Amino acid sequence: MVPGNVPPSRFASGGKGYRELTAWLAISGLEPNQIKIGLEPTGGWYSQTVAAWLVRHGYQISWLQNAALHERRQLAIGKQTKTDALDARLIARLLYERDCLGSQRGFLQRAPRSADALRLLVRNRTKLVEHETRYRLQ
């Protein structure tokens, strides 16, 4: 794959999608430690689980600040609709600026805390219990 010429790809969130992702990354012919991966912490569980999968397979993750990505998106497209493909390009640009130009702006110094993940799990469990109760009462 030639940097800059890689079309956006989509992968399902789950075991099959994660296996497809690591297979897609392997096609590059690069070792996992040679591949730069940037993730934006999402409000859901997806970014945490895909990060855990990638780390388990030898990839290093760089976490971006949501505000930095939002700011860069506003500069690039203004008020147009946000897309995952555009966000992927912006994340790649921020990784390039960090690695080639020395800019550290926009990156978290550490991964999102595991307490945040636990809080999310508890919140999701509460929602599921509420849905189950509502279903039973119907």
Protein backbone atom coordinates (compact mmCIF):
# COMPACT_ATOMS: atom_id res chain seq x y z
CA MET A 1 0.00 0.00 0.00
CA VAL A 2 1.25 3.45 -0.84
CA PRO A 3 0.58 6.07 1.87
CA GLY A 4 -2.02 8.56 0.70
CA ASN A 5 -3.45 6.16 -1.88
CA VAL A 6 -5.24 3.81 0.48
CA PRO A 7 -9.01 3.96 0.13
CA PRO A 8 -11.07 4.01 3.33
CA SER A 9 -12.18 0.60 4.54
CA ARG A 10 -14.90 -0.48 6.96
CA PHE A 11 -14.70 -3.31 9.46
CA ALA A 12 -17.45 -4.69 11.64
CA SER A 13 -17.14 -4.25 15.38
CA GLY A 14 -16.60 -7.74 16.70
CA GLY A 15 -14.32 -10.72 16.34
CA LYS A 16 -14.82 -11.23 12.62
CA GLY A 17 -14.31 -7.55 11.84
CA TYR A 18 -11.21 -7.34 14.02
CA ARG A 19 -9.71 -10.38 12.27
CA GLU A 20 -10.44 -8.72 8.91
CA LEU A 21 -8.77 -5.54 10.16
CA THR A 22 -5.55 -7.28 11.21
CA ALA A 23 -5.51 -9.23 7.92
CA TRP A 24 -5.94 -5.94 6.03
CA LEU A 25 -3.08 -4.37 7.99
CA ALA A 26 -0.87 -7.41 7.30
CA ILE A 27 -1.30 -6.92 3.54
CA SER A 28 0.98 -3.88 3.82
CA GLY A 29 3.93 -6.21 4.44
CA LEU A 30 4.97 -4.11 7.44
CA GLU A 31 5.49 -5.42 10.94
CA PRO A 32 2.90 -4.29 13.50
CA ASN A 33 5.46 -2.04 15.25
CA GLN A 34 6.01 -0.19 11.94
CA ILE A 35 2.35 0.75 11.49
CA LYS A 36 0.98 3.94 13.04
CA ILE A 37 -2.58 3.68 14.38
CA GLY A 38 -4.49 6.65 15.72
CA LEU A 39 -7.83 6.36 17.50
CA GLU A 40 -10.30 8.89 18.79
CA PRO A 41 -11.86 7.90 22.12
CA THR A 42 -15.52 7.36 21.30
CA GLY A 43 -18.46 7.61 23.63
CA GLY A 44 -19.10 3.92 23.11
CA TRP A 45 -17.10 0.78 23.78
CA TYR A 46 -15.88 0.33 20.19
CA SER A 47 -12.60 2.25 20.37
CA GLN A 48 -11.59 0.46 23.58
CA THR A 49 -12.24 -3.03 22.24
CA VAL A 50 -10.58 -2.49 18.87
CA ALA A 51 -7.59 -0.91 20.66
CA ALA A 52 -7.29 -3.92 22.98
CA TRP A 53 -7.41 -6.26 19.97
CA LEU A 54 -4.73 -4.31 18.10
CA VAL A 55 -2.44 -4.03 21.12
CA ARG A 56 -2.77 -7.79 21.70
CA HIS A 57 -1.55 -8.26 18.11
CA GLY A 58 1.51 -6.02 18.55
CA TYR A 59 0.22 -2.67 17.27
CA GLN A 60 0.80 0.57 19.12
CA ILE A 61 -2.10 2.95 19.53
CA SER A 62 -1.94 6.74 19.65
CA TRP A 63 -5.01 8.33 21.21
CA LEU A 64 -6.18 11.66 19.89
CA GLN A 65 -8.05 14.34 21.76
CA ASN A 66 -11.64 14.62 20.57
CA ALA A 67 -11.37 18.42 20.58
CA ALA A 68 -8.27 18.38 18.36
CA LEU A 69 -9.99 16.23 15.76
CA HIS A 70 -13.13 18.37 15.93
CA GLU A 71 -11.05 21.53 15.46
CA ARG A 72 -9.19 20.05 12.49
CA ARG A 73 -12.48 18.90 10.95
CA GLN A 74 -13.94 22.41 11.28
CA LEU A 75 -10.90 23.84 9.51
CA ALA A 76 -11.13 21.25 6.73
CA ILE A 77 -14.85 21.19 6.00
CA GLY A 78 -16.56 23.83 8.12
CA LYS A 79 -20.14 22.90 8.86
CA GLN A 80 -20.41 20.12 6.29
CA THR A 81 -21.41 16.65 7.37
CA LYS A 82 -18.83 14.66 9.34
CA THR A 83 -17.88 11.30 7.82
CA ASP A 84 -15.77 8.41 9.11
CA ALA A 85 -13.62 8.55 5.96
CA LEU A 86 -12.82 12.22 6.56
CA ASP A 87 -12.02 11.54 10.22
CA ALA A 88 -9.67 8.72 9.17
CA ARG A 89 -7.82 11.11 6.84
CA LEU A 90 -7.61 13.76 9.55
CA ILE A 91 -6.23 11.24 12.05
CA ALA A 92 -3.65 10.13 9.47
CA ARG A 93 -2.69 13.79 8.96
CA LEU A 94 -2.26 14.35 12.71
CA LEU A 95 -0.09 11.21 12.94
CA TYR A 96 2.03 12.51 10.03
CA GLU A 97 2.41 15.92 11.68
CA ARG A 98 3.49 14.26 14.92
CA ASP A 99 5.96 11.80 13.39
CA CYS A 100 7.40 13.94 10.59
CA LEU A 101 7.01 17.49 11.89
CA GLY A 102 7.34 16.89 15.63
CA SER A 103 3.93 18.30 16.54
CA GLN A 104 2.52 16.76 19.72
CA ARG A 105 -0.67 18.85 19.56
CA GLY A 106 -3.88 16.86 19.68
CA PHE A 107 -2.62 13.65 21.30
CA LEU A 108 -3.47 12.29 24.73
CA GLN A 109 -0.46 11.53 26.90
CA ARG A 110 -2.00 8.25 28.00
CA ALA A 111 -4.81 5.97 26.90
CA PRO A 112 -8.31 6.65 28.20
CA ARG A 113 -8.61 5.34 31.75
CA SER A 114 -10.04 1.91 32.43
CA ALA A 115 -12.36 3.54 34.98
CA ASP A 116 -14.05 5.22 32.04
CA ALA A 117 -14.59 1.81 30.46
CA LEU A 118 -16.05 0.46 33.70
CA ARG A 119 -18.37 3.46 33.97
CA LEU A 120 -19.53 2.81 30.40
CA LEU A 121 -20.20 -0.87 31.15
CA VAL A 122 -22.26 0.02 34.22
CA ARG A 123 -24.22 2.61 32.24
CA ASN A 124 -24.88 0.11 29.44
CA ARG A 125 -25.97 -2.56 31.96
CA THR A 126 -28.42 -0.10 33.51
CA LYS A 127 -29.89 0.64 30.09
CA LEU A 128 -30.23 -3.07 29.32
CA VAL A 129 -31.99 -3.71 32.64
CA GLU A 130 -34.38 -0.83 31.88
CA HIS A 131 -35.10 -2.26 28.41
CA GLU A 132 -35.65 -5.73 29.85
CA THR A 133 -38.05 -4.38 32.47
CA ARG A 134 -39.96 -2.39 29.86
CA TYR A 135 -40.18 -5.48 27.65
CA ARG A 136 -41.50 -7.65 30.49
CA LEU A 137 -44.16 -5.09 31.37
CA GLN A 138 -45.49 -4.96 27.81
